[in-house]
Amino acid sequence: MPTACAPGKIILSGEHAVVYGSPALALAVDRHMRIHYRPDRLPRLSWHTQERTHVLGLDKFASLRRRLDNHFERYLRGELPITRILQKPAELAFYAVDMARVLSGLDVRPQGSLSIDSDIPIGAGMGSSAALIAALLKLFGHFDDRDELIRQVRHCERLQHGRGSIIDAAAVCSGGAVRVQGEQVESLALPEQGLGDGFYWLFTGTPASSTGACVDQVRRNFAESPIWGEFEATTQAFEAALMTGESLLEPIRANHRLLTRIGVVSAPLQRLAEQVEQAGGAAKVCGAGAVSGDQGGLMLLLLPSGMTPAQLSLQPDWYWGVLKEDKQGVRILED
């Protein structure tokens, strides 16, 4: 049974700013989405999740793809909000499967059943949708060129994230650390110690606002703001420290303050970042953040030696893990 595997990711620096041409840094992490495919002879493709099973007849794929492309064009014209493009999450998976066929010049649509095995938190800013799409394109398409695969992951992901950047697609396809600016993707070779000790990810719950909604609200309020130059300087400082093995405390703190200024850090996460800084560490939102509600998705924590997130004032439903790099990116697993 063929299986494709794609890692999650975190944005180290430059989220939101990357949409306006500034550089951003991301890291593929060792949380993974695995898509298992079992072919059969029935004229449909079924998608099994923990919650339910979704089924689409082979004769419905083309009309679904046309409808979603049309909805995206209406979104670009301002006629449809980003949250209305997809009627249900499984449509993104079916769209990616058919795009893999179209882009690879294949005539036959895959028929059978798909099942998912994932430890990437959904809606956390950890790249779950990019990992899903990358795994499906890798499983059902033929993409010899990494940059082309990245572009096509982003093309599919636009249905969920709107005018987002290429950074999620770049990280999950490439693995390791990447630097993105505009359409340019560069892999970064980290020092032997990687990020170093004391790094954790913390999931604070799925935000009430989607990534697309966050991006759109920030655009309305800050599209012409000079703040993106400040983001760029912070990311450059982060990259310089990252590549030389110097402390990342100050670049992380500076990035947190910028994200707070554009309104994507909820009050509970601001309080947590303050607690971490008082303990001698640093914390920041990773990804779109939130423009409503208290839940804020994913945070990056850099804690002093001997300290773990368990020693912080965490809410009961928050959970965390040690941050570890995935160097491979999306791949097909051996049976």
Protein backbone atom coordinates (compact mmCIF):
# COMPACT_ATOMS: atom_id res chain seq x y z
CA MET A 1 0.00 0.00 0.00
CA PRO A 2 1.74 3.24 -1.13
CA THR A 3 2.26 5.86 1.58
CA ALA A 4 3.39 9.46 1.25
CA CYS A 5 4.79 11.36 4.22
CA ALA A 6 5.19 15.12 4.66
CA PRO A 7 6.51 17.04 7.68
CA GLY A 8 4.94 19.92 9.50
CA LYS A 9 6.69 23.26 9.75
CA ILE A 10 7.11 26.31 11.92
CA ILE A 11 7.87 29.83 10.77
CA LEU A 12 10.91 31.06 12.65
CA SER A 13 10.67 34.68 11.55
CA GLY A 14 8.87 36.86 9.02
CA GLU A 15 5.28 35.57 9.03
CA HIS A 16 2.85 38.06 7.44
CA ALA A 17 5.82 40.16 6.24
CA VAL A 18 6.62 37.52 3.62
CA VAL A 19 3.33 38.40 1.88
CA TYR A 20 4.74 41.90 1.25
CA GLY A 21 8.07 40.84 -0.23
CA SER A 22 10.12 40.64 2.97
CA PRO A 23 12.15 37.49 3.70
CA ALA A 24 10.92 34.79 6.06
CA LEU A 25 12.54 31.74 7.63
CA ALA A 26 10.85 28.40 8.24
CA LEU A 27 11.87 24.99 9.54
CA ALA A 28 10.41 21.59 8.70
CA VAL A 29 9.76 19.72 11.95
CA ASP A 30 9.40 16.08 12.94
CA ARG A 31 5.62 16.04 13.09
CA HIS A 32 4.23 14.23 10.08
CA MET A 33 1.20 13.61 7.92
CA ARG A 34 1.07 10.20 6.28
CA ILE A 35 -1.39 9.42 3.51
CA HIS A 36 -2.06 5.74 2.82
CA TYR A 37 -3.61 4.72 -0.52
CA ARG A 38 -5.36 1.42 -1.14
CA PRO A 39 -6.51 1.05 -4.78
CA ASP A 40 -9.65 -0.86 -5.72
CA ARG A 41 -12.02 -1.15 -8.70
CA LEU A 42 -14.91 0.98 -7.45
CA PRO A 43 -15.59 4.16 -9.52
CA ARG A 44 -14.86 6.55 -6.66
CA LEU A 45 -12.20 7.80 -4.28
CA SER A 46 -12.94 7.70 -0.56
CA TRP A 47 -11.17 9.76 2.10
CA HIS A 48 -11.19 8.41 5.65
CA THR A 49 -10.54 10.63 8.67
CA GLN A 50 -11.19 10.02 12.36
CA GLU A 51 -14.44 11.95 12.14
CA ARG A 52 -16.05 10.56 8.99
CA THR A 53 -15.60 9.17 5.49
CA HIS A 54 -15.88 11.41 2.41
CA VAL A 55 -16.59 9.90 -1.01
CA LEU A 56 -16.37 11.47 -4.47
CA GLY A 57 -17.30 9.68 -7.67
CA LEU A 58 -14.68 9.75 -10.41
CA ASP A 59 -17.13 11.57 -12.66
CA LYS A 60 -17.37 14.45 -10.16
CA PHE A 61 -13.68 15.44 -9.95
CA ALA A 62 -13.61 17.77 -12.95
CA SER A 63 -16.72 19.69 -11.87
CA LEU A 64 -15.34 20.04 -8.32
CA ARG A 65 -12.06 21.42 -9.65
CA ARG A 66 -13.87 23.92 -11.91
CA ARG A 67 -16.16 25.05 -9.08
CA LEU A 68 -13.30 25.65 -6.66
CA ASP A 69 -11.24 27.51 -9.26
CA ASN A 70 -14.29 29.67 -9.98
CA HIS A 71 -14.82 30.35 -6.28
CA PHE A 72 -11.21 31.47 -5.95
CA GLU A 73 -11.64 33.91 -8.82
CA ARG A 74 -14.72 35.31 -7.09
CA TYR A 75 -12.65 35.66 -3.90
CA LEU A 76 -10.02 37.64 -5.82
CA ARG A 77 -12.76 39.95 -7.12
CA GLY A 78 -14.04 40.49 -3.58
CA GLU A 79 -17.30 38.64 -4.22
CA LEU A 80 -16.67 35.73 -1.84
CA PRO A 81 -14.89 35.51 1.52
CA ILE A 82 -11.97 33.11 1.81
CA THR A 83 -13.97 30.96 4.24
CA ARG A 84 -16.60 30.22 1.55
CA ILE A 85 -14.34 28.74 -1.13
CA LEU A 86 -14.30 25.25 0.37
CA GLN A 87 -17.61 23.80 1.53
CA LYS A 88 -15.84 21.09 3.55
CA PRO A 89 -12.15 20.32 4.22
CA ALA A 90 -12.19 17.07 2.22
CA GLU A 91 -12.71 19.10 -0.97
CA LEU A 92 -9.12 20.33 -0.69
CA ALA A 93 -7.86 16.73 -0.68
CA PHE A 94 -9.95 15.75 -3.72
CA TYR A 95 -8.82 18.92 -5.54
CA ALA A 96 -5.16 18.10 -4.88
CA VAL A 97 -5.60 14.53 -6.13
CA ASP A 98 -7.10 15.75 -9.40
CA MET A 99 -4.49 18.49 -9.80
CA ALA A 100 -1.77 15.84 -9.43
CA ARG A 101 -3.34 14.00 -12.35
CA VAL A 102 -3.78 17.11 -14.51
CA LEU A 103 -0.32 18.51 -13.88
CA SER A 104 1.35 15.15 -14.53
CA GLY A 105 -0.57 14.59 -17.77
CA LEU A 106 -2.29 11.43 -16.54
CA ASP A 107 -5.57 10.26 -18.05
CA VAL A 108 -6.79 7.92 -15.33
CA ARG A 109 -8.05 9.19 -11.99
CA PRO A 110 -7.02 7.13 -8.95
CA GLN A 111 -9.79 5.01 -7.48
CA GLY A 112 -9.69 3.41 -4.08
CA SER A 113 -9.46 4.66 -0.51
CA LEU A 114 -7.21 7.13 1.29
CA SER A 115 -6.56 7.17 5.01
CA ILE A 116 -4.67 9.71 7.05
CA ASP A 117 -2.29 9.25 9.96
CA SER A 118 -1.10 12.60 11.30
CA ASP A 119 0.42 14.08 14.44
CA ILE A 120 0.47 17.63 13.01
CA PRO A 121 -2.07 19.73 14.93
CA ILE A 122 -4.85 21.02 12.67
CA GLY A 123 -5.24 24.78 12.47
CA ALA A 124 -2.05 25.33 14.46
CA GLY A 125 0.07 27.15 11.92
CA MET A 126 2.19 24.02 11.61
CA GLY A 127 1.50 23.54 7.92
CA SER A 128 -1.09 20.76 8.08
CA SER A 129 -2.82 21.77 4.83
CA ALA A 130 0.50 22.18 2.97
CA ALA A 131 1.63 18.77 4.26
CA LEU A 132 -1.66 17.21 3.14
CA ILE A 133 -1.38 18.66 -0.36
CA ALA A 134 2.32 17.87 -0.72
CA ALA A 135 1.74 14.25 0.28
CA LEU A 136 -1.14 13.88 -2.19
CA LEU A 137 0.75 15.49 -5.07
CA LYS A 138 3.76 13.28 -4.33
CA LEU A 139 1.57 10.18 -4.10
CA PHE A 140 -0.45 10.71 -7.29
CA GLY A 141 1.73 12.94 -9.49
CA HIS A 142 5.16 13.03 -11.08
CA PHE A 143 7.17 16.06 -9.97
CA ASP A 144 10.89 15.70 -10.60
CA ASP A 145 11.59 19.38 -9.92
CA ARG A 146 11.30 20.53 -6.29
CA ASP A 147 10.47 24.11 -7.20
CA GLU A 148 7.60 22.98 -9.43
CA LEU A 149 6.21 20.83 -6.62
CA ILE A 150 6.41 23.81 -4.25
CA ARG A 151 4.52 26.01 -6.72
CA GLN A 152 1.78 23.44 -7.17
CA VAL A 153 1.36 22.88 -3.42
CA ARG A 154 0.90 26.62 -3.07
CA HIS A 155 -1.54 26.68 -6.00
CA CYS A 156 -3.77 24.13 -4.28
CA GLU A 157 -3.34 25.70 -0.85
CA ARG A 158 -4.59 29.07 -2.09
CA LEU A 159 -8.14 27.69 -1.80
CA GLN A 160 -7.74 27.66 1.97
CA HIS A 161 -5.29 30.50 2.63
CA GLY A 162 -6.09 32.99 -0.11
CA ARG A 163 -3.23 35.33 -0.97
CA GLY A 164 -0.74 33.57 1.29
CA SER A 165 2.95 33.13 0.60
CA ILE A 166 4.91 30.15 -0.65
CA ILE A 167 6.61 29.54 2.70
CA ASP A 168 4.52 26.60 3.97
CA ALA A 169 4.89 24.77 0.66
CA ALA A 170 8.63 25.45 0.58
CA ALA A 171 9.25 24.07 4.05
CA VAL A 172 7.21 20.86 3.78
CA CYS A 173 8.55 20.03 0.31
CA SER A 174 12.21 20.87 0.98
CA GLY A 175 12.71 19.80 4.58
CA GLY A 176 15.23 21.47 6.87
CA ALA A 177 15.46 25.25 7.11
CA VAL A 178 14.41 27.47 4.22
CA ARG A 179 14.56 31.16 3.45
CA VAL A 180 11.75 32.54 1.30
CA GLN A 181 11.48 35.95 -0.33
CA GLY A 182 8.88 36.53 -2.98
CA GLU A 183 8.95 33.44 -5.18
CA GLN A 184 12.57 32.59 -4.33
CA VAL A 185 13.27 29.61 -2.05
CA GLU A 186 16.71 28.92 -0.60
CA SER A 187 17.62 25.96 1.60
CA LEU A 188 19.77 26.86 4.61
CA ALA A 189 22.32 24.48 6.09
CA LEU A 190 22.06 24.88 9.85
CA PRO A 191 25.09 24.44 12.12
CA GLU A 192 25.69 20.93 13.46
CA GLN A 193 23.71 21.67 16.62
CA GLY A 194 20.71 22.88 14.59
CA LEU A 195 18.69 25.42 16.52
CA GLY A 196 20.39 24.36 19.73
CA ASP A 197 18.91 23.41 23.09
CA GLY A 198 15.89 24.94 24.78
CA PHE A 199 13.55 25.15 21.78
CA TYR A 200 9.95 23.96 22.08
CA TRP A 201 6.70 24.30 20.18
CA LEU A 202 3.49 25.05 22.06
CA PHE A 203 -0.01 24.57 20.63
CA THR A 204 -2.50 26.96 22.22
CA GLY A 205 -5.63 25.85 20.37
CA THR A 206 -7.04 26.41 16.90
CA PRO A 207 -7.70 30.14 16.37
CA ALA A 208 -11.25 31.34 15.81
CA SER A 209 -10.00 33.15 12.69
CA SER A 210 -8.57 31.22 9.73
CA THR A 211 -5.17 31.91 8.19
CA GLY A 212 -6.87 33.52 5.20
CA ALA A 213 -8.97 35.77 7.46
CA CYS A 214 -5.87 36.85 9.41
CA VAL A 215 -3.95 37.63 6.23
CA ASP A 216 -6.87 39.64 4.86
CA GLN A 217 -7.34 41.70 8.03
CA VAL A 218 -3.63 42.48 8.30
CA ARG A 219 -3.67 43.54 4.65
CA ARG A 220 -6.55 45.94 5.26
CA ASN A 221 -4.78 47.58 8.21
CA PHE A 222 -1.09 47.42 7.32
CA ALA A 223 -0.64 46.83 3.57
CA GLU A 224 1.04 50.23 3.08
CA SER A 225 2.73 50.38 6.49
CA PRO A 226 6.51 50.81 6.89
CA ILE A 227 6.40 48.08 9.56
CA TRP A 228 7.41 45.48 6.97
CA GLY A 229 10.86 47.03 6.86
CA GLU A 230 11.13 46.39 10.59
CA PHE A 231 10.08 42.78 10.04
CA GLU A 232 12.76 42.42 7.36
CA ALA A 233 15.51 43.77 9.63
CA THR A 234 14.40 41.38 12.39
CA THR A 235 14.46 38.39 10.05
CA GLN A 236 17.91 39.33 8.78
CA ALA A 237 19.15 39.48 12.39
CA PHE A 238 17.50 36.12 13.08
CA GLU A 239 19.16 34.51 10.05
CA ALA A 240 22.60 35.92 10.94
CA ALA A 241 22.34 34.54 14.48
CA LEU A 242 20.93 31.23 13.25
CA MET A 243 23.79 30.60 10.81
CA THR A 244 26.54 31.50 13.30
CA GLY A 245 25.09 29.69 16.30
CA GLU A 246 24.59 32.91 18.28
CA SER A 247 21.71 33.51 20.70
CA LEU A 248 18.26 33.89 19.10
CA LEU A 249 16.69 35.50 22.17
CA GLU A 250 16.57 39.05 20.87
CA PRO A 251 15.40 38.27 17.31
CA ILE A 252 12.55 36.15 18.72
CA ARG A 253 11.54 38.87 21.16
CA ALA A 254 11.65 41.53 18.46
CA ASN A 255 9.51 39.40 16.15
CA HIS A 256 6.98 38.89 18.93
CA ARG A 257 6.62 42.64 19.44
CA LEU A 258 6.09 43.25 15.74
CA LEU A 259 3.42 40.53 15.53
CA THR A 260 1.70 42.07 18.54
CA ARG A 261 1.67 45.46 16.82
CA ILE A 262 -0.14 44.10 13.76
CA GLY A 263 -2.78 42.54 16.00
CA VAL A 264 -2.32 38.79 15.55
CA VAL A 265 -1.23 37.86 19.11
CA SER A 266 -4.12 37.16 21.48
CA ALA A 267 -4.08 38.47 25.05
CA PRO A 268 -3.33 35.06 26.68
CA LEU A 269 -0.34 34.59 24.38
CA GLN A 270 0.94 38.07 25.14
CA ARG A 271 0.82 37.23 28.84
CA LEU A 272 2.63 33.95 28.24
CA ALA A 273 5.37 35.67 26.21
CA GLU A 274 5.83 38.16 29.03
CA GLN A 275 6.18 35.30 31.55
CA VAL A 276 8.75 33.56 29.33
CA GLU A 277 10.78 36.76 28.94
CA GLN A 278 10.75 37.35 32.70
CA ALA A 279 12.22 33.84 33.09
CA GLY A 280 15.02 34.75 30.68
CA GLY A 281 13.60 33.19 27.52
CA ALA A 282 11.70 34.29 24.41
CA ALA A 283 8.39 33.35 22.77
CA LYS A 284 6.53 34.26 19.61
CA VAL A 285 3.55 33.21 17.53
CA CYS A 286 4.47 31.01 14.56
CA GLY A 287 2.20 31.49 11.58
CA ALA A 288 -0.84 33.64 11.02
CA GLY A 289 -1.77 33.99 14.69
CA ALA A 290 -5.32 35.14 15.44
CA VAL A 291 -7.36 38.31 14.99
CA SER A 292 -10.20 37.19 17.24
CA GLY A 293 -10.66 34.97 20.30
CA ASP A 294 -8.12 33.81 22.86
CA GLN A 295 -6.67 30.79 21.06
CA GLY A 296 -3.58 31.62 19.04
CA GLY A 297 -2.34 28.50 17.28
CA LEU A 298 1.36 27.71 17.50
CA MET A 299 4.11 29.39 19.50
CA LEU A 300 7.88 29.03 19.37
CA LEU A 301 9.53 28.98 22.80
CA LEU A 302 13.20 29.40 23.66
CA LEU A 303 13.62 28.60 27.34
CA PRO A 304 16.62 28.84 29.69
CA SER A 305 18.65 25.71 30.36
CA GLY A 306 16.80 23.22 32.56
CA MET A 307 13.39 24.79 32.01
CA THR A 308 10.51 23.20 30.06
CA PRO A 309 7.04 24.51 29.13
CA ALA A 310 5.62 22.41 32.00
CA GLN A 311 6.99 25.06 34.37
CA LEU A 312 4.96 27.83 32.71
CA SER A 313 1.38 28.88 33.46
CA LEU A 314 -0.24 26.93 30.63
CA GLN A 315 -3.95 26.49 30.05
CA PRO A 316 -5.22 22.90 30.50
CA ASP A 317 -5.81 22.24 26.80
CA TRP A 318 -2.44 23.56 25.60
CA TYR A 319 0.25 21.02 24.76
CA TRP A 320 3.89 21.15 23.70
CA GLY A 321 6.85 19.24 22.36
CA VAL A 322 10.59 19.54 21.86
CA LEU A 323 11.37 21.21 18.55
CA LYS A 324 13.27 18.87 16.21
CA GLU A 325 14.19 19.36 12.56
CA ASP A 326 12.97 17.14 9.70
CA LYS A 327 15.68 17.25 7.03
CA GLN A 328 13.96 15.23 4.30
CA GLY A 329 10.73 16.97 3.36
CA VAL A 330 7.89 15.19 1.56
CA ARG A 331 8.71 11.65 0.42
CA ILE A 332 7.27 8.27 -0.50
CA LEU A 333 7.81 5.68 2.22
CA GLU A 334 8.97 2.21 1.40
CA ASP A 335 6.34 -0.49 1.83
